Amino acid sequence: MRSQIWVGDVVQALEVARTDDERARVLEMLGFVPAAVLRRAADEPPFAGSQGSRTPPPVGTRPPERDHGSGQEALPGLHDDEETPSGGMTVELPLLQPARTEAPHAPRDPVEPLARPTAERASLPLLPLFVPGWTSAIVRAMVSRQVSEGAVDIASLIDTLAHGRPVRRLPRLPVPTMRYGVQVLVDRSTGMQPFRRDQNELLEHFRAVVGPELVKVGYFSGVPQHGTGPGGRWTRTAYVPPEPGRPVLLLSDLGLGGPPEDPGRGTREDWEHFIGLVTRADCGVVALSPYPPRRWPRWMTRLLPLVSWDRTTTASRAAVRLP
């Protein structure tokens, strides 16, 4: 924005004005003729100048044509003792006064730019179903088997001697062991979809506590007989029980969740058939259910041991007696 108003600006503004009043207002706003002079010129009668009697030109009209003899032109707002631009000196014209002034704003602190959006979605923090500090003890209690390899059972030995029976083998106290490993069957059906992250995290705990080489994982949907494999559906085949002595752990709701009309949902007969397969293979089976005990039907609690998968479960409640 320029700081001064020049004659060319006045000429352009006067060309746009349509009436004498508008031209007078333009001259007043541009500061070339003060308002008092305009009012006085309008009120006073014609006057006689040094070159004879003449009347001042109407306010707001165009400046008179250049006098080629003198090489000067009359400019509004100039005094007699001021030089015109043709005289080679700069004419100081009155400047407009600002209506208001604003204090400069203090510079703001630099703001960190927002991160560019990406297609990656940050997952929400997981609140495990088990108390994190108890998870390792719960895993040991569920997969451990009792073997008679502890200290000598003094009470049993005295009883044998008192009855006069021969001692062919020293009786020993039972102790838990995890050397048989575990087969973990993970249910990927619709009813277990809300607990998928919990299943994956619990599998990591089993590998850390029991040992990766002793943990065999199989995935299924509905019931294991429909197909079990180490990965996606294309890897699943007919279910085969593990070697004798290895416990089987089910991470499943046993058909309690999911849509009732799901054709792959396991029924009571399906689970009875599965338990028969595992039992005939001399393996124990335990189910870890994310639903509370009040939702377990009676046939389910009679069929196999169930452990509640929530924060009320402790190692003592998860300890089940496996064959």
C-alpha atoms as a PDB file:
ATOM      1  CA  MET A   1       0.000   0.000   0.000  1.00  0.00           C
ATOM      2  CA  ARG A   2       1.413   3.422  -0.976  1.00  0.00           C
ATOM      3  CA  SER A   3       2.003   6.038   1.707  1.00  0.00           C
ATOM      4  CA  GLN A   4       1.190   9.111  -0.453  1.00  0.00           C
ATOM      5  CA  ILE A   5      -1.573  10.246  -2.797  1.00  0.00           C
ATOM      6  CA  TRP A   6      -0.465  11.659  -6.159  1.00  0.00           C
ATOM      7  CA  VAL A   7      -2.138  13.819  -8.735  1.00  0.00           C
ATOM      8  CA  GLY A   8      -2.701  10.847 -11.037  1.00  0.00           C
ATOM      9  CA  ASP A   9      -4.709   9.151  -8.292  1.00  0.00           C
ATOM     10  CA  VAL A  10      -6.904  12.262  -7.990  1.00  0.00           C
ATOM     11  CA  VAL A  11      -7.532  12.360 -11.738  1.00  0.00           C
ATOM     12  CA  GLN A  12      -8.554   8.697 -11.831  1.00  0.00           C
ATOM     13  CA  ALA A  13     -10.879   9.160  -8.862  1.00  0.00           C
ATOM     14  CA  LEU A  14     -12.518  12.227 -10.412  1.00  0.00           C
ATOM     15  CA  GLU A  15     -13.202  10.340 -13.635  1.00  0.00           C
ATOM     16  CA  VAL A  16     -15.230   7.799 -11.720  1.00  0.00           C
ATOM     17  CA  ALA A  17     -17.243  10.412  -9.784  1.00  0.00           C
ATOM     18  CA  ARG A  18     -20.566  11.304 -11.424  1.00  0.00           C
ATOM     19  CA  THR A  19     -21.714  14.497  -9.663  1.00  0.00           C
ATOM     20  CA  ASP A  20     -20.106  17.594  -8.233  1.00  0.00           C
ATOM     21  CA  ASP A  21     -20.887  16.485  -4.693  1.00  0.00           C
ATOM     22  CA  GLU A  22     -19.111  13.194  -5.277  1.00  0.00           C
ATOM     23  CA  ARG A  23     -16.086  14.969  -6.761  1.00  0.00           C
ATOM     24  CA  ALA A  24     -15.954  17.313  -3.776  1.00  0.00           C
ATOM     25  CA  ARG A  25     -16.049  14.385  -1.397  1.00  0.00           C
ATOM     26  CA  VAL A  26     -13.294  12.667  -3.359  1.00  0.00           C
ATOM     27  CA  LEU A  27     -11.051  15.733  -3.100  1.00  0.00           C
ATOM     28  CA  GLU A  28     -11.797  16.036   0.589  1.00  0.00           C
ATOM     29  CA  MET A  29     -11.078  12.367   1.308  1.00  0.00           C
ATOM     30  CA  LEU A  30      -7.829  12.466  -0.667  1.00  0.00           C
ATOM     31  CA  GLY A  31      -6.715  15.528   1.287  1.00  0.00           C
ATOM     32  CA  PHE A  32      -6.188  17.898  -1.643  1.00  0.00           C
ATOM     33  CA  VAL A  33      -8.820  20.455  -0.565  1.00  0.00           C
ATOM     34  CA  PRO A  34      -9.732  20.772   3.109  1.00  0.00           C
ATOM     35  CA  ALA A  35     -13.424  20.709   3.915  1.00  0.00           C
ATOM     36  CA  ALA A  36     -13.334  24.326   5.156  1.00  0.00           C
ATOM     37  CA  VAL A  37     -12.057  25.532   1.772  1.00  0.00           C
ATOM     38  CA  LEU A  38     -14.781  23.655  -0.059  1.00  0.00           C
ATOM     39  CA  ARG A  39     -17.482  25.116   2.152  1.00  0.00           C
ATOM     40  CA  ARG A  40     -16.037  28.619   1.846  1.00  0.00           C
ATOM     41  CA  ALA A  41     -15.777  28.339  -1.932  1.00  0.00           C
ATOM     42  CA  ALA A  42     -19.361  27.292  -2.080  1.00  0.00           C
ATOM     43  CA  ASP A  43     -20.560  30.196   0.115  1.00  0.00           C
ATOM     44  CA  GLU A  44     -18.416  33.114  -1.146  1.00  0.00           C
ATOM     45  CA  PRO A  45     -19.260  35.033  -4.345  1.00  0.00           C
ATOM     46  CA  PRO A  46     -16.939  35.124  -7.351  1.00  0.00           C
ATOM     47  CA  PHE A  47     -13.699  36.944  -6.769  1.00  0.00           C
ATOM     48  CA  ALA A  48     -11.142  38.774  -8.920  1.00  0.00           C
ATOM     49  CA  GLY A  49      -7.666  37.357  -9.130  1.00  0.00           C
ATOM     50  CA  SER A  50      -4.387  38.870 -10.265  1.00  0.00           C
ATOM     51  CA  GLN A  51      -5.185  38.090 -13.909  1.00  0.00           C
ATOM     52  CA  GLY A  52      -8.587  39.712 -13.922  1.00  0.00           C
ATOM     53  CA  SER A  53     -12.035  38.930 -12.781  1.00  0.00           C
ATOM     54  CA  ARG A  54     -12.836  35.226 -12.806  1.00  0.00           C
ATOM     55  CA  THR A  55     -14.724  32.730 -10.779  1.00  0.00           C
ATOM     56  CA  PRO A  56     -13.150  29.626  -9.258  1.00  0.00           C
ATOM     57  CA  PRO A  57     -13.821  26.440 -11.151  1.00  0.00           C
ATOM     58  CA  PRO A  58     -16.534  24.294  -9.779  1.00  0.00           C
ATOM     59  CA  VAL A  59     -15.446  22.045  -6.969  1.00  0.00           C
ATOM     60  CA  GLY A  60     -14.566  18.559  -8.134  1.00  0.00           C
ATOM     61  CA  THR A  61     -14.156  19.441 -11.840  1.00  0.00           C
ATOM     62  CA  ARG A  62     -11.194  18.338 -13.896  1.00  0.00           C
ATOM     63  CA  PRO A  63      -8.067  20.462 -13.680  1.00  0.00           C
ATOM     64  CA  PRO A  64      -7.688  23.040 -16.461  1.00  0.00           C
ATOM     65  CA  GLU A  65      -5.799  22.051 -19.560  1.00  0.00           C
ATOM     66  CA  ARG A  66      -2.070  22.541 -19.626  1.00  0.00           C
ATOM     67  CA  ASP A  67      -0.949  26.039 -20.652  1.00  0.00           C
ATOM     68  CA  HIS A  68       1.590  25.238 -23.341  1.00  0.00           C
ATOM     69  CA  GLY A  69       3.015  28.751 -23.093  1.00  0.00           C
ATOM     70  CA  SER A  70       3.953  28.497 -19.419  1.00  0.00           C
ATOM     71  CA  GLY A  71       4.462  24.725 -19.272  1.00  0.00           C
ATOM     72  CA  GLN A  72       2.476  24.535 -16.006  1.00  0.00           C
ATOM     73  CA  GLU A  73      -0.942  23.417 -14.987  1.00  0.00           C
ATOM     74  CA  ALA A  74      -3.088  24.421 -12.111  1.00  0.00           C
ATOM     75  CA  LEU A  75      -3.271  21.818  -9.393  1.00  0.00           C
ATOM     76  CA  PRO A  76      -5.841  21.823  -6.671  1.00  0.00           C
ATOM     77  CA  GLY A  77      -4.573  22.172  -3.170  1.00  0.00           C
ATOM     78  CA  LEU A  78      -1.307  23.955  -4.115  1.00  0.00           C
ATOM     79  CA  HIS A  79      -0.261  27.316  -2.630  1.00  0.00           C
ATOM     80  CA  ASP A  80       1.228  30.189  -4.606  1.00  0.00           C
ATOM     81  CA  ASP A  81       4.710  29.724  -3.160  1.00  0.00           C
ATOM     82  CA  GLU A  82       4.929  25.963  -3.967  1.00  0.00           C
ATOM     83  CA  GLU A  83       6.632  24.637  -7.057  1.00  0.00           C
ATOM     84  CA  THR A  84       4.710  22.437  -9.429  1.00  0.00           C
ATOM     85  CA  PRO A  85       6.008  19.017 -10.457  1.00  0.00           C
ATOM     86  CA  SER A  86       7.203  20.519 -13.768  1.00  0.00           C
ATOM     87  CA  GLY A  87       9.514  22.833 -11.824  1.00  0.00           C
ATOM     88  CA  GLY A  88      11.690  19.907 -10.823  1.00  0.00           C
ATOM     89  CA  MET A  89      10.831  19.816  -7.095  1.00  0.00           C
ATOM     90  CA  THR A  90       8.809  17.246  -5.219  1.00  0.00           C
ATOM     91  CA  VAL A  91       5.506  18.570  -3.989  1.00  0.00           C
ATOM     92  CA  GLU A  92       4.623  17.567  -0.456  1.00  0.00           C
ATOM     93  CA  LEU A  93       0.926  16.828  -0.385  1.00  0.00           C
ATOM     94  CA  PRO A  94      -1.141  16.398   2.763  1.00  0.00           C
ATOM     95  CA  LEU A  95      -1.414  12.765   3.797  1.00  0.00           C
ATOM     96  CA  LEU A  96      -4.441  10.933   5.092  1.00  0.00           C
ATOM     97  CA  GLN A  97      -4.489  10.230   8.783  1.00  0.00           C
ATOM     98  CA  PRO A  98      -5.296   6.671   9.810  1.00  0.00           C
ATOM     99  CA  ALA A  99      -8.637   6.237  11.507  1.00  0.00           C
ATOM    100  CA  ARG A 100      -7.119   3.917  14.105  1.00  0.00           C
ATOM    101  CA  THR A 101      -3.892   2.166  14.853  1.00  0.00           C
ATOM    102  CA  GLU A 102      -3.478  -1.338  16.183  1.00  0.00           C
ATOM    103  CA  ALA A 103      -0.606  -2.560  18.242  1.00  0.00           C
ATOM    104  CA  PRO A 104       1.417  -5.260  16.507  1.00  0.00           C
ATOM    105  CA  HIS A 105       0.551  -8.725  17.680  1.00  0.00           C
ATOM    106  CA  ALA A 106       3.137 -10.511  19.706  1.00  0.00           C
ATOM    107  CA  PRO A 107       4.671 -13.399  17.776  1.00  0.00           C
ATOM    108  CA  ARG A 108       3.200 -16.733  18.749  1.00  0.00           C
ATOM    109  CA  ASP A 109       5.201 -19.738  19.762  1.00  0.00           C
ATOM    110  CA  PRO A 110       5.883 -22.109  16.887  1.00  0.00           C
ATOM    111  CA  VAL A 111       3.321 -24.911  16.696  1.00  0.00           C
ATOM    112  CA  GLU A 112       4.297 -28.441  15.853  1.00  0.00           C
ATOM    113  CA  PRO A 113       2.628 -29.508  12.600  1.00  0.00           C
ATOM    114  CA  LEU A 114       0.115 -32.335  12.776  1.00  0.00           C
ATOM    115  CA  ALA A 115       1.262 -35.731  11.654  1.00  0.00           C
ATOM    116  CA  ARG A 116       0.264 -36.667   8.165  1.00  0.00           C
ATOM    117  CA  PRO A 117      -2.591 -39.172   8.050  1.00  0.00           C
ATOM    118  CA  THR A 118      -1.598 -42.711   7.260  1.00  0.00           C
ATOM    119  CA  ALA A 119      -3.470 -45.909   6.517  1.00  0.00           C
ATOM    120  CA  GLU A 120      -2.112 -47.539   9.661  1.00  0.00           C
ATOM    121  CA  ARG A 121      -4.470 -47.778  12.609  1.00  0.00           C
ATOM    122  CA  ALA A 122      -3.108 -47.857  16.109  1.00  0.00           C
ATOM    123  CA  SER A 123      -4.690 -50.638  18.138  1.00  0.00           C
ATOM    124  CA  LEU A 124      -6.296 -49.799  21.459  1.00  0.00           C
ATOM    125  CA  PRO A 125      -4.596 -51.004  24.650  1.00  0.00           C
ATOM    126  CA  LEU A 126      -5.643 -54.518  25.659  1.00  0.00           C
ATOM    127  CA  LEU A 127      -7.013 -55.229  29.125  1.00  0.00           C
ATOM    128  CA  PRO A 128      -6.305 -58.960  29.609  1.00  0.00           C
ATOM    129  CA  LEU A 129      -9.023 -61.238  30.937  1.00  0.00           C
ATOM    130  CA  PHE A 130      -6.618 -62.657  33.512  1.00  0.00           C
ATOM    131  CA  VAL A 131      -4.817 -60.555  36.106  1.00  0.00           C
ATOM    132  CA  PRO A 132      -1.377 -60.069  34.475  1.00  0.00           C
ATOM    133  CA  GLY A 133       0.517 -60.972  37.652  1.00  0.00           C
ATOM    134  CA  TRP A 134      -1.400 -64.252  38.017  1.00  0.00           C
ATOM    135  CA  THR A 135      -1.328 -65.457  34.405  1.00  0.00           C
ATOM    136  CA  SER A 136       1.859 -67.525  34.645  1.00  0.00           C
ATOM    137  CA  ALA A 137       0.656 -69.348  37.768  1.00  0.00           C
ATOM    138  CA  ILE A 138      -2.739 -70.015  36.159  1.00  0.00           C
ATOM    139  CA  VAL A 139      -1.046 -71.490  33.073  1.00  0.00           C
ATOM    140  CA  ARG A 140       1.067 -73.820  35.222  1.00  0.00           C
ATOM    141  CA  ALA A 141      -1.981 -74.970  37.185  1.00  0.00           C
ATOM    142  CA  MET A 142      -3.964 -75.821  34.041  1.00  0.00           C
ATOM    143  CA  VAL A 143      -1.310 -77.770  32.119  1.00  0.00           C
ATOM    144  CA  SER A 144       0.534 -79.500  34.952  1.00  0.00           C
ATOM    145  CA  ARG A 145       0.086 -83.216  35.539  1.00  0.00           C
ATOM    146  CA  GLN A 146       0.602 -84.988  38.835  1.00  0.00           C
ATOM    147  CA  VAL A 147       3.307 -87.672  38.776  1.00  0.00           C
ATOM    148  CA  SER A 148       4.559 -89.809  41.667  1.00  0.00           C
ATOM    149  CA  GLU A 149       8.135 -88.612  41.565  1.00  0.00           C
ATOM    150  CA  GLY A 150       8.401 -86.593  44.744  1.00  0.00           C
ATOM    151  CA  ALA A 151       9.781 -87.515  48.156  1.00  0.00           C
ATOM    152  CA  VAL A 152       9.117 -90.940  49.698  1.00  0.00           C
ATOM    153  CA  ASP A 153       5.575 -91.269  51.002  1.00  0.00           C
ATOM    154  CA  ILE A 154       6.373 -92.272  54.562  1.00  0.00           C
ATOM    155  CA  ALA A 155       2.742 -92.736  55.576  1.00  0.00           C
ATOM    156  CA  SER A 156       2.049 -95.112  52.702  1.00  0.00           C
ATOM    157  CA  LEU A 157       5.272 -97.039  53.378  1.00  0.00           C
ATOM    158  CA  ILE A 158       4.400 -97.536  57.072  1.00  0.00           C
ATOM    159  CA  ASP A 159       0.929 -98.715  56.153  1.00  0.00           C
ATOM    160  CA  THR A 160       2.361-101.313  53.749  1.00  0.00           C
ATOM    161  CA  LEU A 161       4.810-102.646  56.336  1.00  0.00           C
ATOM    162  CA  ALA A 162       2.191-102.725  59.079  1.00  0.00           C
ATOM    163  CA  HIS A 163      -0.057-104.945  56.978  1.00  0.00           C
ATOM    164  CA  GLY A 164       2.857-107.301  56.204  1.00  0.00           C
ATOM    165  CA  ARG A 165       2.837-106.626  52.500  1.00  0.00           C
ATOM    166  CA  PRO A 166       6.110-106.728  50.604  1.00  0.00           C
ATOM    167  CA  VAL A 167       7.614-103.421  49.501  1.00  0.00           C
ATOM    168  CA  ARG A 168       8.349-103.922  45.811  1.00  0.00           C
ATOM    169  CA  ARG A 169       8.588-100.182  45.070  1.00  0.00           C
ATOM    170  CA  LEU A 170       9.035 -97.169  47.283  1.00  0.00           C
ATOM    171  CA  PRO A 171       5.892 -95.046  47.252  1.00  0.00           C
ATOM    172  CA  ARG A 172       6.520 -91.399  46.412  1.00  0.00           C
ATOM    173  CA  LEU A 173       4.497 -88.248  46.827  1.00  0.00           C
ATOM    174  CA  PRO A 174       2.884 -86.727  43.715  1.00  0.00           C
ATOM    175  CA  VAL A 175       4.416 -83.571  42.236  1.00  0.00           C
ATOM    176  CA  PRO A 176       3.239 -81.443  39.282  1.00  0.00           C
ATOM    177  CA  THR A 177       5.168 -81.475  36.025  1.00  0.00           C
ATOM    178  CA  MET A 178       4.847 -79.817  32.643  1.00  0.00           C
ATOM    179  CA  ARG A 179       7.208 -82.074  30.737  1.00  0.00           C
ATOM    180  CA  TYR A 180       4.306 -83.581  28.790  1.00  0.00           C
ATOM    181  CA  GLY A 181       3.616 -80.227  27.178  1.00  0.00           C
ATOM    182  CA  VAL A 182       0.150 -79.164  26.039  1.00  0.00           C
ATOM    183  CA  GLN A 183      -1.986 -79.073  22.920  1.00  0.00           C
ATOM    184  CA  VAL A 184      -3.833 -75.730  22.739  1.00  0.00           C
ATOM    185  CA  LEU A 185      -6.920 -75.693  20.487  1.00  0.00           C
ATOM    186  CA  VAL A 186      -7.979 -72.142  19.623  1.00  0.00           C
ATOM    187  CA  ASP A 187     -11.588 -71.567  18.583  1.00  0.00           C
ATOM    188  CA  ARG A 188     -11.820 -68.982  15.741  1.00  0.00           C
ATOM    189  CA  SER A 189     -15.606 -69.099  15.380  1.00  0.00           C
ATOM    190  CA  THR A 190     -17.836 -66.013  15.344  1.00  0.00           C
ATOM    191  CA  GLY A 191     -18.648 -66.262  19.049  1.00  0.00           C
ATOM    192  CA  MET A 192     -14.958 -66.040  20.000  1.00  0.00           C
ATOM    193  CA  GLN A 193     -14.117 -63.132  17.701  1.00  0.00           C
ATOM    194  CA  PRO A 194     -14.249 -60.496  20.521  1.00  0.00           C
ATOM    195  CA  PHE A 195     -11.570 -62.499  22.409  1.00  0.00           C
ATOM    196  CA  ARG A 196      -9.116 -63.013  19.560  1.00  0.00           C
ATOM    197  CA  ARG A 197      -6.458 -60.705  20.967  1.00  0.00           C
ATOM    198  CA  ASP A 198      -6.785 -62.400  24.359  1.00  0.00           C
ATOM    199  CA  GLN A 199      -6.257 -65.781  22.684  1.00  0.00           C
ATOM    200  CA  ASN A 200      -3.102 -64.598  20.946  1.00  0.00           C
ATOM    201  CA  GLU A 201      -1.670 -63.075  24.110  1.00  0.00           C
ATOM    202  CA  LEU A 202      -2.430 -66.182  26.166  1.00  0.00           C
ATOM    203  CA  LEU A 203      -0.670 -68.344  23.586  1.00  0.00           C
ATOM    204  CA  GLU A 204       2.485 -66.294  24.147  1.00  0.00           C
ATOM    205  CA  HIS A 205       2.212 -66.968  27.883  1.00  0.00           C
ATOM    206  CA  PHE A 206       1.932 -70.720  27.236  1.00  0.00           C
ATOM    207  CA  ARG A 207       5.055 -70.666  25.062  1.00  0.00           C
ATOM    208  CA  ALA A 208       6.960 -68.654  27.682  1.00  0.00           C
ATOM    209  CA  VAL A 209       5.937 -70.843  30.643  1.00  0.00           C
ATOM    210  CA  VAL A 210       5.810 -74.343  29.146  1.00  0.00           C
ATOM    211  CA  GLY A 211       8.340 -73.874  26.344  1.00  0.00           C
ATOM    212  CA  PRO A 212       7.778 -73.267  22.627  1.00  0.00           C
ATOM    213  CA  GLU A 213       8.779 -76.821  21.670  1.00  0.00           C
ATOM    214  CA  LEU A 214       6.224 -78.337  24.076  1.00  0.00           C
ATOM    215  CA  VAL A 215       3.241 -76.215  22.948  1.00  0.00           C
ATOM    216  CA  LYS A 216       1.317 -77.482  19.929  1.00  0.00           C
ATOM    217  CA  VAL A 217      -1.308 -75.055  18.604  1.00  0.00           C
ATOM    218  CA  GLY A 218      -4.299 -75.918  16.435  1.00  0.00           C
ATOM    219  CA  TYR A 219      -6.999 -73.580  15.129  1.00  0.00           C
ATOM    220  CA  PHE A 220     -10.597 -74.604  14.434  1.00  0.00           C
ATOM    221  CA  SER A 221     -14.089 -73.127  13.977  1.00  0.00           C
ATOM    222  CA  GLY A 222     -17.109 -74.578  15.758  1.00  0.00           C
ATOM    223  CA  VAL A 223     -15.660 -77.939  16.849  1.00  0.00           C
ATOM    224  CA  PRO A 224     -12.228 -79.490  16.183  1.00  0.00           C
ATOM    225  CA  GLN A 225     -13.760 -82.338  14.155  1.00  0.00           C
ATOM    226  CA  HIS A 226     -14.710 -79.833  11.428  1.00  0.00           C
ATOM    227  CA  GLY A 227     -11.013 -79.282  10.750  1.00  0.00           C
ATOM    228  CA  THR A 228      -7.977 -78.334  12.822  1.00  0.00           C
ATOM    229  CA  GLY A 229      -4.683 -76.915  11.613  1.00  0.00           C
ATOM    230  CA  PRO A 230      -1.736 -74.692  12.556  1.00  0.00           C
ATOM    231  CA  GLY A 231      -2.940 -71.679  10.529  1.00  0.00           C
ATOM    232  CA  GLY A 232      -5.738 -70.585   8.215  1.00  0.00           C
ATOM    233  CA  ARG A 233      -8.663 -72.654   7.005  1.00  0.00           C
ATOM    234  CA  TRP A 234      -6.660 -74.070   4.089  1.00  0.00           C
ATOM    235  CA  THR A 235      -4.259 -75.750   6.578  1.00  0.00           C
ATOM    236  CA  ARG A 236      -6.983 -77.543   8.551  1.00  0.00           C
ATOM    237  CA  THR A 237      -7.546 -81.269   8.325  1.00  0.00           C
ATOM    238  CA  ALA A 238      -9.306 -83.941  10.390  1.00  0.00           C
ATOM    239  CA  TYR A 239      -8.504 -83.647  14.086  1.00  0.00           C
ATOM    240  CA  VAL A 240      -5.948 -86.059  15.527  1.00  0.00           C
ATOM    241  CA  PRO A 241      -5.489 -86.294  19.342  1.00  0.00           C
ATOM    242  CA  PRO A 242      -1.938 -85.769  20.677  1.00  0.00           C
ATOM    243  CA  GLU A 243       0.305 -88.488  22.078  1.00  0.00           C
ATOM    244  CA  PRO A 244      -0.839 -90.136  25.319  1.00  0.00           C
ATOM    245  CA  GLY A 245      -0.301 -88.099  28.443  1.00  0.00           C
ATOM    246  CA  ARG A 246      -0.291 -84.668  26.786  1.00  0.00           C
ATOM    247  CA  PRO A 247      -3.150 -82.495  28.092  1.00  0.00           C
ATOM    248  CA  VAL A 248      -5.502 -80.678  25.708  1.00  0.00           C
ATOM    249  CA  LEU A 249      -6.574 -77.106  26.467  1.00  0.00           C
ATOM    250  CA  LEU A 250      -9.566 -75.557  24.689  1.00  0.00           C
ATOM    251  CA  LEU A 251      -9.775 -71.763  24.278  1.00  0.00           C
ATOM    252  CA  SER A 252     -13.447 -71.835  23.338  1.00  0.00           C
ATOM    253  CA  ASP A 253     -16.950 -70.906  24.459  1.00  0.00           C
ATOM    254  CA  LEU A 254     -18.171 -74.411  23.449  1.00  0.00           C
ATOM    255  CA  GLY A 255     -20.910 -72.882  21.305  1.00  0.00           C
ATOM    256  CA  LEU A 256     -22.360 -70.470  23.892  1.00  0.00           C
ATOM    257  CA  GLY A 257     -21.719 -67.344  21.790  1.00  0.00           C
ATOM    258  CA  GLY A 258     -22.264 -66.354  18.207  1.00  0.00           C
ATOM    259  CA  PRO A 259     -25.458 -66.362  16.122  1.00  0.00           C
ATOM    260  CA  PRO A 260     -27.828 -69.252  16.965  1.00  0.00           C
ATOM    261  CA  GLU A 261     -28.421 -69.997  13.272  1.00  0.00           C
ATOM    262  CA  ASP A 262     -24.693 -70.488  12.536  1.00  0.00           C
ATOM    263  CA  PRO A 263     -24.437 -73.871  10.754  1.00  0.00           C
ATOM    264  CA  GLY A 264     -20.871 -74.424  12.019  1.00  0.00           C
ATOM    265  CA  ARG A 265     -21.806 -73.971  15.649  1.00  0.00           C
ATOM    266  CA  GLY A 266     -20.925 -76.959  17.810  1.00  0.00           C
ATOM    267  CA  THR A 267     -23.755 -78.886  19.490  1.00  0.00           C
ATOM    268  CA  ARG A 268     -23.778 -81.028  22.598  1.00  0.00           C
ATOM    269  CA  GLU A 269     -23.382 -84.206  20.521  1.00  0.00           C
ATOM    270  CA  ASP A 270     -20.367 -82.731  18.707  1.00  0.00           C
ATOM    271  CA  TRP A 271     -18.565 -81.954  21.948  1.00  0.00           C
ATOM    272  CA  GLU A 272     -19.393 -85.341  23.453  1.00  0.00           C
ATOM    273  CA  HIS A 273     -17.820 -86.950  20.400  1.00  0.00           C
ATOM    274  CA  PHE A 274     -14.712 -84.786  20.746  1.00  0.00           C
ATOM    275  CA  ILE A 275     -14.266 -85.578  24.447  1.00  0.00           C
ATOM    276  CA  GLY A 276     -14.555 -89.289  23.588  1.00  0.00           C
ATOM    277  CA  LEU A 277     -11.705 -88.967  21.060  1.00  0.00           C
ATOM    278  CA  VAL A 278      -9.411 -87.259  23.554  1.00  0.00           C
ATOM    279  CA  THR A 279     -10.239 -89.598  26.437  1.00  0.00           C
ATOM    280  CA  ARG A 280      -9.579 -92.744  24.384  1.00  0.00           C
ATOM    281  CA  ALA A 281      -6.157 -91.286  23.504  1.00  0.00           C
ATOM    282  CA  ASP A 282      -5.333 -91.188  27.266  1.00  0.00           C
ATOM    283  CA  CYS A 283      -5.237 -87.381  27.311  1.00  0.00           C
ATOM    284  CA  GLY A 284      -6.914 -85.008  29.707  1.00  0.00           C
ATOM    285  CA  VAL A 285      -8.886 -82.005  28.453  1.00  0.00           C
ATOM    286  CA  VAL A 286      -9.668 -78.633  30.049  1.00  0.00           C
ATOM    287  CA  ALA A 287     -11.763 -75.777  28.603  1.00  0.00           C
ATOM    288  CA  LEU A 288     -11.091 -72.103  29.245  1.00  0.00           C
ATOM    289  CA  SER A 289     -14.393 -70.239  28.726  1.00  0.00           C
ATOM    290  CA  PRO A 290     -14.748 -66.420  28.586  1.00  0.00           C
ATOM    291  CA  TYR A 291     -18.358 -66.649  29.796  1.00  0.00           C
ATOM    292  CA  PRO A 292     -19.288 -66.731  33.503  1.00  0.00           C
ATOM    293  CA  PRO A 293     -20.231 -70.013  35.203  1.00  0.00           C
ATOM    294  CA  ARG A 294     -23.901 -69.003  35.474  1.00  0.00           C
ATOM    295  CA  ARG A 295     -24.167 -69.399  31.694  1.00  0.00           C
ATOM    296  CA  TRP A 296     -22.677 -72.896  31.588  1.00  0.00           C
ATOM    297  CA  PRO A 297     -25.294 -75.587  30.983  1.00  0.00           C
ATOM    298  CA  ARG A 298     -25.251 -78.624  33.246  1.00  0.00           C
ATOM    299  CA  TRP A 299     -24.235 -81.045  30.502  1.00  0.00           C
ATOM    300  CA  MET A 300     -21.149 -78.940  29.840  1.00  0.00           C
ATOM    301  CA  THR A 301     -19.887 -79.012  33.427  1.00  0.00           C
ATOM    302  CA  ARG A 302     -20.441 -82.786  33.569  1.00  0.00           C
ATOM    303  CA  LEU A 303     -18.630 -83.384  30.291  1.00  0.00           C
ATOM    304  CA  LEU A 304     -15.254 -81.750  31.048  1.00  0.00           C
ATOM    305  CA  PRO A 305     -13.519 -79.437  33.538  1.00  0.00           C
ATOM    306  CA  LEU A 306     -14.233 -75.749  32.884  1.00  0.00           C
ATOM    307  CA  VAL A 307     -12.157 -72.768  34.017  1.00  0.00           C
ATOM    308  CA  SER A 308     -13.629 -69.266  33.988  1.00  0.00           C
ATOM    309  CA  TRP A 309     -11.558 -66.912  31.822  1.00  0.00           C
ATOM    310  CA  ASP A 310     -11.894 -63.697  33.830  1.00  0.00           C
ATOM    311  CA  ARG A 311     -10.211 -61.728  36.616  1.00  0.00           C
ATOM    312  CA  THR A 312     -11.785 -63.749  39.411  1.00  0.00           C
ATOM    313  CA  THR A 313      -9.740 -66.826  38.445  1.00  0.00           C
ATOM    314  CA  THR A 314      -6.683 -67.654  40.529  1.00  0.00           C
ATOM    315  CA  ALA A 315      -4.140 -70.462  40.285  1.00  0.00           C
ATOM    316  CA  SER A 316      -5.958 -72.507  42.934  1.00  0.00           C
ATOM    317  CA  ARG A 317      -9.254 -72.262  41.049  1.00  0.00           C
ATOM    318  CA  ALA A 318      -7.590 -73.144  37.755  1.00  0.00           C
ATOM    319  CA  ALA A 319      -5.893 -76.279  39.169  1.00  0.00           C
ATOM    320  CA  VAL A 320      -7.785 -79.272  37.777  1.00  0.00           C
ATOM    321  CA  ARG A 321      -6.844 -82.896  38.197  1.00  0.00           C
ATOM    322  CA  LEU A 322      -5.740 -84.318  34.861  1.00  0.00           C
ATOM    323  CA  PRO A 323      -5.221 -88.055  34.291  1.00  0.00           C
END
